[in-house]
PDB file of N, CA and C in Angstrom:
ATOM      1  N   MET A   1     122.419  93.886 104.890  1.00  0.00           N
ATOM      2  CA  MET A   1     121.123  93.643 105.466  1.00  0.00           C
ATOM      3  C   MET A   1     121.221  93.830 106.976  1.00  0.00           C
ATOM      4  N   THR A   2     120.280  94.547 107.514  1.00  0.00           N
ATOM      5  CA  THR A   2     120.203  94.743 108.955  1.00  0.00           C
ATOM      6  C   THR A   2     119.770  93.441 109.621  1.00  0.00           C
ATOM      7  N   THR A   3     120.383  93.124 110.745  1.00  0.00           N
ATOM      8  CA  THR A   3     120.016  91.939 111.512  1.00  0.00           C
ATOM      9  C   THR A   3     119.640  92.367 112.926  1.00  0.00           C
ATOM     10  N   ILE A   4     118.534  91.813 113.438  1.00  0.00           N
ATOM     11  CA  ILE A   4     118.051  92.165 114.763  1.00  0.00           C
ATOM     12  C   ILE A   4     117.462  90.903 115.412  1.00  0.00           C
ATOM     13  N   ASN A   5     117.542  90.815 116.736  1.00  0.00           N
ATOM     14  CA  ASN A   5     116.970  89.628 117.383  1.00  0.00           C
ATOM     15  C   ASN A   5     115.461  89.815 117.577  1.00  0.00           C
ATOM     16  N   VAL A   6     114.777  88.708 117.795  1.00  0.00           N
ATOM     17  CA  VAL A   6     113.322  88.695 117.899  1.00  0.00           C
ATOM     18  C   VAL A   6     112.801  89.620 118.997  1.00  0.00           C
ATOM     19  N   SER A   7     113.440  89.614 120.145  1.00  0.00           N
ATOM     20  CA  SER A   7     112.967  90.448 121.257  1.00  0.00           C
ATOM     21  C   SER A   7     112.997  91.922 120.889  1.00  0.00           C
ATOM     22  N   LYS A   8     114.094  92.366 120.293  1.00  0.00           N
ATOM     23  CA  LYS A   8     114.192  93.777 119.889  1.00  0.00           C
ATOM     24  C   LYS A   8     113.211  94.092 118.769  1.00  0.00           C
ATOM     25  N   ALA A   9     113.046  93.140 117.838  1.00  0.00           N
ATOM     26  CA  ALA A   9     112.114  93.348 116.733  1.00  0.00           C
ATOM     27  C   ALA A   9     110.682  93.490 117.252  1.00  0.00           C
ATOM     28  N   ARG A  10     110.311  92.652 118.175  1.00  0.00           N
ATOM     29  CA  ARG A  10     108.961  92.696 118.764  1.00  0.00           C
ATOM     30  C   ARG A  10     108.716  94.049 119.414  1.00  0.00           C
ATOM     31  N   ALA A  11     109.707  94.550 120.122  1.00  0.00           N
ATOM     32  CA  ALA A  11     109.562  95.816 120.841  1.00  0.00           C
ATOM     33  C   ALA A  11     109.509  97.023 119.911  1.00  0.00           C
ATOM     34  N   ASP A  12     110.036  96.868 118.701  1.00  0.00           N
ATOM     35  CA  ASP A  12     110.159  98.018 117.799  1.00  0.00           C
ATOM     36  C   ASP A  12     109.637  97.702 116.400  1.00  0.00           C
ATOM     37  N   LEU A  13     108.585  96.894 116.309  1.00  0.00           N
ATOM     38  CA  LEU A  13     108.094  96.421 115.020  1.00  0.00           C
ATOM     39  C   LEU A  13     107.631  97.548 114.099  1.00  0.00           C
ATOM     40  N   ASN A  14     106.927  98.541 114.628  1.00  0.00           N
ATOM     41  CA  ASN A  14     106.455  99.639 113.771  1.00  0.00           C
ATOM     42  C   ASN A  14     107.609 100.376 113.108  1.00  0.00           C
ATOM     43  N   ARG A  15     108.649 100.663 113.877  1.00  0.00           N
ATOM     44  CA  ARG A  15     109.803 101.361 113.309  1.00  0.00           C
ATOM     45  C   ARG A  15     110.503 100.495 112.272  1.00  0.00           C
ATOM     46  N   LEU A  16     110.632  99.202 112.555  1.00  0.00           N
ATOM     47  CA  LEU A  16     111.279  98.294 111.612  1.00  0.00           C
ATOM     48  C   LEU A  16     110.502  98.195 110.303  1.00  0.00           C
ATOM     49  N   LEU A  17     109.181  98.137 110.409  1.00  0.00           N
ATOM     50  CA  LEU A  17     108.359  98.093 109.204  1.00  0.00           C
ATOM     51  C   LEU A  17     108.531  99.367 108.385  1.00  0.00           C
ATOM     52  N   ASP A  18     108.512 100.504 109.044  1.00  0.00           N
ATOM     53  CA  ASP A  18     108.753 101.778 108.346  1.00  0.00           C
ATOM     54  C   ASP A  18     110.123 101.764 107.668  1.00  0.00           C
ATOM     55  N   GLN A  19     111.123 101.242 108.350  1.00  0.00           N
ATOM     56  CA  GLN A  19     112.482 101.175 107.804  1.00  0.00           C
ATOM     57  C   GLN A  19     112.528 100.289 106.563  1.00  0.00           C
ATOM     58  N   ALA A  20     111.876  99.139 106.622  1.00  0.00           N
ATOM     59  CA  ALA A  20     111.876  98.218 105.484  1.00  0.00           C
ATOM     60  C   ALA A  20     111.192  98.846 104.272  1.00  0.00           C
ATOM     61  N   VAL A  21     110.102  99.566 104.512  1.00  0.00           N
ATOM     62  CA  VAL A  21     109.379 100.217 103.419  1.00  0.00           C
ATOM     63  C   VAL A  21     110.213 101.352 102.832  1.00  0.00           C
ATOM     64  N   LYS A  22     110.784 102.175 103.688  1.00  0.00           N
ATOM     65  CA  LYS A  22     111.531 103.346 103.223  1.00  0.00           C
ATOM     66  C   LYS A  22     112.849 102.963 102.552  1.00  0.00           C
ATOM     67  N   SER A  23     113.593 102.049 103.131  1.00  0.00           N
ATOM     68  CA  SER A  23     114.923 101.720 102.610  1.00  0.00           C
ATOM     69  C   SER A  23     114.880 100.698 101.484  1.00  0.00           C
ATOM     70  N   ARG A  24     113.758  99.956 101.372  1.00  0.00           N
ATOM     71  CA  ARG A  24     113.618  98.882 100.380  1.00  0.00           C
ATOM     72  C   ARG A  24     114.672  97.795 100.580  1.00  0.00           C
ATOM     73  N   LYS A  25     115.161  97.669 101.820  1.00  0.00           N
ATOM     74  CA  LYS A  25     116.140  96.641 102.167  1.00  0.00           C
ATOM     75  C   LYS A  25     115.519  95.696 103.189  1.00  0.00           C
ATOM     76  N   PRO A  26     115.750  94.391 103.024  1.00  0.00           N
ATOM     77  CA  PRO A  26     115.196  93.430 103.981  1.00  0.00           C
ATOM     78  C   PRO A  26     115.864  93.541 105.350  1.00  0.00           C
ATOM     79  N   ILE A  27     115.143  93.111 106.376  1.00  0.00           N
ATOM     80  CA  ILE A  27     115.658  93.099 107.741  1.00  0.00           C
ATOM     81  C   ILE A  27     115.594  91.658 108.245  1.00  0.00           C
ATOM     82  N   MET A  28     116.742  91.109 108.611  1.00  0.00           N
ATOM     83  CA  MET A  28     116.816  89.739 109.127  1.00  0.00           C
ATOM     84  C   MET A  28     116.444  89.762 110.600  1.00  0.00           C
ATOM     85  N   ILE A  29     115.490  88.915 110.965  1.00  0.00           N
ATOM     86  CA  ILE A  29     115.076  88.783 112.357  1.00  0.00           C
ATOM     87  C   ILE A  29     115.493  87.391 112.824  1.00  0.00           C
ATOM     88  N   CYS A  30     116.380  87.347 113.812  1.00  0.00           N
ATOM     89  CA  CYS A  30     116.952  86.082 114.283  1.00  0.00           C
ATOM     90  C   CYS A  30     116.361  85.693 115.628  1.00  0.00           C
ATOM     91  N   GLY A  31     115.918  84.460 115.718  1.00  0.00           N
ATOM     92  CA  GLY A  31     115.368  83.934 116.959  1.00  0.00           C
ATOM     93  C   GLY A  31     116.116  82.687 117.383  1.00  0.00           C
ATOM     94  N   LYS A  32     115.756  82.157 118.545  1.00  0.00           N
ATOM     95  CA  LYS A  32     116.399  80.945 119.047  1.00  0.00           C
ATOM     96  C   LYS A  32     116.004  79.730 118.215  1.00  0.00           C
ATOM     97  N   ARG A  33     114.750  79.694 117.744  1.00  0.00           N
ATOM     98  CA  ARG A  33     114.265  78.528 117.001  1.00  0.00           C
ATOM     99  C   ARG A  33     114.341  78.688 115.493  1.00  0.00           C
ATOM    100  N   ALA A  34     114.268  79.927 115.008  1.00  0.00           N
ATOM    101  CA  ALA A  34     114.239  80.143 113.558  1.00  0.00           C
ATOM    102  C   ALA A  34     114.571  81.594 113.236  1.00  0.00           C
ATOM    103  N   ASN A  35     114.860  81.835 111.986  1.00  0.00           N
ATOM    104  CA  ASN A  35     115.120  83.187 111.486  1.00  0.00           C
ATOM    105  C   ASN A  35     114.071  83.537 110.438  1.00  0.00           C
ATOM    106  N   GLY A  36     113.866  84.834 110.237  1.00  0.00           N
ATOM    107  CA  GLY A  36     112.929  85.306 109.222  1.00  0.00           C
ATOM    108  C   GLY A  36     113.422  86.607 108.633  1.00  0.00           C
ATOM    109  N   VAL A  37     112.719  87.059 107.611  1.00  0.00           N
ATOM    110  CA  VAL A  37     113.095  88.296 106.932  1.00  0.00           C
ATOM    111  C   VAL A  37     111.866  89.179 106.811  1.00  0.00           C
ATOM    112  N   LEU A  38     112.010  90.451 107.160  1.00  0.00           N
ATOM    113  CA  LEU A  38     110.946  91.435 107.040  1.00  0.00           C
ATOM    114  C   LEU A  38     111.209  92.267 105.795  1.00  0.00           C
ATOM    115  N   ILE A  39     110.215  92.291 104.883  1.00  0.00           N
ATOM    116  CA  ILE A  39     110.322  93.124 103.685  1.00  0.00           C
ATOM    117  C   ILE A  39     109.006  93.872 103.510  1.00  0.00           C
ATOM    118  N   SER A  40     109.020  94.893 102.681  1.00  0.00           N
ATOM    119  CA  SER A  40     107.804  95.660 102.433  1.00  0.00           C
ATOM    120  C   SER A  40     106.830  94.851 101.583  1.00  0.00           C
ATOM    121  N   GLU A  41     105.568  95.207 101.650  1.00  0.00           N
ATOM    122  CA  GLU A  41     104.548  94.545 100.841  1.00  0.00           C
ATOM    123  C   GLU A  41     104.846  94.737  99.356  1.00  0.00           C
ATOM    124  N   GLU A  42     105.317  95.907  98.985  1.00  0.00           N
ATOM    125  CA  GLU A  42     105.648  96.189  97.584  1.00  0.00           C
ATOM    126  C   GLU A  42     106.760  95.268  97.093  1.00  0.00           C
ATOM    127  N   ASP A  43     107.785  95.066  97.916  1.00  0.00           N
ATOM    128  CA  ASP A  43     108.874  94.167  97.538  1.00  0.00           C
ATOM    129  C   ASP A  43     108.383  92.725  97.448  1.00  0.00           C
ATOM    130  N   TRP A  44     107.534  92.309  98.383  1.00  0.00           N
ATOM    131  CA  TRP A  44     106.980  90.952  98.362  1.00  0.00           C
ATOM    132  C   TRP A  44     106.177  90.727  97.074  1.00  0.00           C
ATOM    133  N   SER A  45     105.361  91.707  96.704  1.00  0.00           N
ATOM    134  CA  SER A  45     104.572  91.594  95.475  1.00  0.00           C
ATOM    135  C   SER A  45     105.475  91.489  94.249  1.00  0.00           C
ATOM    136  N   ALA A  46     106.547  92.269  94.222  1.00  0.00           N
ATOM    137  CA  ALA A  46     107.478  92.219  93.100  1.00  0.00           C
ATOM    138  C   ALA A  46     108.150  90.850  93.001  1.00  0.00           C
ATOM    139  N   ILE A  47     108.525  90.289  94.133  1.00  0.00           N
ATOM    140  CA  ILE A  47     109.134  88.953  94.147  1.00  0.00           C
ATOM    141  C   ILE A  47     108.138  87.921  93.624  1.00  0.00           C
ATOM    142  N   GLN A  48     106.902  87.996  94.085  1.00  0.00           N
ATOM    143  CA  GLN A  48     105.877  87.048  93.642  1.00  0.00           C
ATOM    144  C   GLN A  48     105.623  87.158  92.140  1.00  0.00           C
ATOM    145  N   GLU A  49     105.581  88.385  91.628  1.00  0.00           N
ATOM    146  CA  GLU A  49     105.368  88.587  90.190  1.00  0.00           C
ATOM    147  C   GLU A  49     106.527  88.013  89.381  1.00  0.00           C
ATOM    148  N   THR A  50     107.744  88.245  89.842  1.00  0.00           N
ATOM    149  CA  THR A  50     108.918  87.701  89.158  1.00  0.00           C
ATOM    150  C   THR A  50     108.876  86.182  89.128  1.00  0.00           C
ATOM    151  N   LEU A  51     108.569  85.565  90.259  1.00  0.00           N
ATOM    152  CA  LEU A  51     108.483  84.108  90.311  1.00  0.00           C
ATOM    153  C   LEU A  51     107.392  83.574  89.386  1.00  0.00           C
ATOM    154  N   PHE A  52     106.264  84.269  89.332  1.00  0.00           N
ATOM    155  CA  PHE A  52     105.184  83.859  88.445  1.00  0.00           C
ATOM    156  C   PHE A  52     105.635  83.918  86.990  1.00  0.00           C
ATOM    157  N   LEU A  53     106.230  85.047  86.599  1.00  0.00           N
ATOM    158  CA  LEU A  53     106.657  85.205  85.208  1.00  0.00           C
ATOM    159  C   LEU A  53     107.720  84.190  84.823  1.00  0.00           C
ATOM    160  N   LEU A  54     108.648  83.920  85.732  1.00  0.00           N
ATOM    161  CA  LEU A  54     109.689  82.945  85.433  1.00  0.00           C
ATOM    162  C   LEU A  54     109.146  81.516  85.386  1.00  0.00           C
ATOM    163  N   GLY A  55     107.953  81.314  85.931  1.00  0.00           N
ATOM    164  CA  GLY A  55     107.329  79.999  85.882  1.00  0.00           C
ATOM    165  C   GLY A  55     106.613  79.723  84.568  1.00  0.00           C
ATOM    166  N   ILE A  56     106.431  80.749  83.739  1.00  0.00           N
ATOM    167  CA  ILE A  56     105.791  80.561  82.436  1.00  0.00           C
ATOM    168  C   ILE A  56     106.830  79.985  81.479  1.00  0.00           C
ATOM    169  N   PRO A  57     106.522  78.847  80.851  1.00  0.00           N
ATOM    170  CA  PRO A  57     107.504  78.234  79.941  1.00  0.00           C
ATOM    171  C   PRO A  57     107.992  79.224  78.876  1.00  0.00           C
ATOM    172  N   ASP A  58     109.284  79.253  78.676  1.00  0.00           N
ATOM    173  CA  ASP A  58     109.962  80.080  77.660  1.00  0.00           C
ATOM    174  C   ASP A  58     109.880  81.587  77.908  1.00  0.00           C
ATOM    175  N   MET A  59     109.329  82.025  79.043  1.00  0.00           N
ATOM    176  CA  MET A  59     109.227  83.461  79.307  1.00  0.00           C
ATOM    177  C   MET A  59     110.605  84.110  79.414  1.00  0.00           C
ATOM    178  N   ARG A  60     111.526  83.471  80.124  1.00  0.00           N
ATOM    179  CA  ARG A  60     112.853  84.031  80.306  1.00  0.00           C
ATOM    180  C   ARG A  60     113.545  84.246  78.952  1.00  0.00           C
ATOM    181  N   LYS A  61     113.466  83.247  78.080  1.00  0.00           N
ATOM    182  CA  LYS A  61     114.084  83.351  76.747  1.00  0.00           C
ATOM    183  C   LYS A  61     113.408  84.447  75.934  1.00  0.00           C
ATOM    184  N   SER A  62     112.092  84.545  76.015  1.00  0.00           N
ATOM    185  CA  SER A  62     111.353  85.558  75.277  1.00  0.00           C
ATOM    186  C   SER A  62     111.755  86.967  75.719  1.00  0.00           C
ATOM    187  N   ILE A  63     111.918  87.154  77.021  1.00  0.00           N
ATOM    188  CA  ILE A  63     112.329  88.462  77.536  1.00  0.00           C
ATOM    189  C   ILE A  63     113.740  88.790  77.074  1.00  0.00           C
ATOM    190  N   LYS A  64     114.658  87.828  77.173  1.00  0.00           N
ATOM    191  CA  LYS A  64     116.037  88.060  76.729  1.00  0.00           C
ATOM    192  C   LYS A  64     116.081  88.386  75.242  1.00  0.00           C
ATOM    193  N   ASP A  65     115.315  87.668  74.441  1.00  0.00           N
ATOM    194  CA  ASP A  65     115.283  87.932  72.996  1.00  0.00           C
ATOM    195  C   ASP A  65     114.760  89.336  72.711  1.00  0.00           C
ATOM    196  N   ALA A  66     113.710  89.740  73.421  1.00  0.00           N
ATOM    197  CA  ALA A  66     113.128  91.069  73.209  1.00  0.00           C
ATOM    198  C   ALA A  66     114.087  92.172  73.627  1.00  0.00           C
ATOM    199  N   ILE A  67     114.832  91.951  74.694  1.00  0.00           N
ATOM    200  CA  ILE A  67     115.782  92.960  75.161  1.00  0.00           C
ATOM    201  C   ILE A  67     116.886  93.183  74.126  1.00  0.00           C
ATOM    202  N   SER A  68     117.279  92.131  73.444  1.00  0.00           N
ATOM    203  CA  SER A  68     118.381  92.241  72.485  1.00  0.00           C
ATOM    204  C   SER A  68     117.961  92.873  71.161  1.00  0.00           C
ATOM    205  N   GLU A  69     116.672  93.031  70.926  1.00  0.00           N
ATOM    206  CA  GLU A  69     116.208  93.647  69.683  1.00  0.00           C
ATOM    207  C   GLU A  69     116.209  95.163  69.808  1.00  0.00           C
ATOM    208  N   PRO A  70     116.565  95.851  68.704  1.00  0.00           N
ATOM    209  CA  PRO A  70     116.546  97.319  68.744  1.00  0.00           C
ATOM    210  C   PRO A  70     115.109  97.838  68.872  1.00  0.00           C
ATOM    211  N   LEU A  71     114.959  98.963  69.570  1.00  0.00           N
ATOM    212  CA  LEU A  71     113.640  99.555  69.767  1.00  0.00           C
ATOM    213  C   LEU A  71     113.039 100.077  68.467  1.00  0.00           C
ATOM    214  N   SER A  72     113.854 100.336  67.470  1.00  0.00           N
ATOM    215  CA  SER A  72     113.374 100.915  66.218  1.00  0.00           C
ATOM    216  C   SER A  72     112.441  99.989  65.448  1.00  0.00           C
ATOM    217  N   ARG A  73     112.357  98.724  65.835  1.00  0.00           N
ATOM    218  CA  ARG A  73     111.436  97.811  65.143  1.00  0.00           C
ATOM    219  C   ARG A  73     109.986  98.186  65.422  1.00  0.00           C
ATOM    220  N   GLY A  74     109.777  98.881  66.536  1.00  0.00           N
ATOM    221  CA  GLY A  74     108.463  99.409  66.849  1.00  0.00           C
ATOM    222  C   GLY A  74     107.409  98.376  67.225  1.00  0.00           C
ATOM    223  N   LYS A  75     107.816  97.179  67.488  1.00  0.00           N
ATOM    224  CA  LYS A  75     106.844  96.134  67.794  1.00  0.00           C
ATOM    225  C   LYS A  75     107.431  95.192  68.838  1.00  0.00           C
ATOM    226  N   SER A  76     106.678  94.883  69.855  1.00  0.00           N
ATOM    227  CA  SER A  76     107.141  93.953  70.878  1.00  0.00           C
ATOM    228  C   SER A  76     107.060  92.530  70.359  1.00  0.00           C
ATOM    229  N   THR A  77     108.078  91.751  70.702  1.00  0.00           N
ATOM    230  CA  THR A  77     108.082  90.359  70.247  1.00  0.00           C
ATOM    231  C   THR A  77     108.027  89.389  71.414  1.00  0.00           C
ATOM    232  N   ILE A  78     107.639  89.894  72.598  1.00  0.00           N
ATOM    233  CA  ILE A  78     107.521  88.987  73.736  1.00  0.00           C
ATOM    234  C   ILE A  78     106.317  88.090  73.484  1.00  0.00           C
ATOM    235  N   LYS A  79     106.560  86.795  73.511  1.00  0.00           N
ATOM    236  CA  LYS A  79     105.498  85.825  73.246  1.00  0.00           C
ATOM    237  C   LYS A  79     105.057  85.192  74.559  1.00  0.00           C
ATOM    238  N   TRP A  80     103.760  85.219  74.830  1.00  0.00           N
ATOM    239  CA  TRP A  80     103.232  84.657  76.055  1.00  0.00           C
ATOM    240  C   TRP A  80     102.730  83.341  75.746  1.00  0.00           C
TER     241      TRP A  80
END
């Protein structure tokens, strides 16, 4: 993960945003009071969707069970 200080990040925010979108890798921004991470909107949405799905009771088990079944059954068994 790339790490950059707040002053440099502020001066070059457009380039950093382009880099985060293109590389799909987070950028750590370090400041005197706190640190943060810059990621693309697409990556943020994917993280939010994953957290939502994992918050549904038994979703993780249902996905694991479905993955272990052969595709030849022709029917999805993921239970919502």
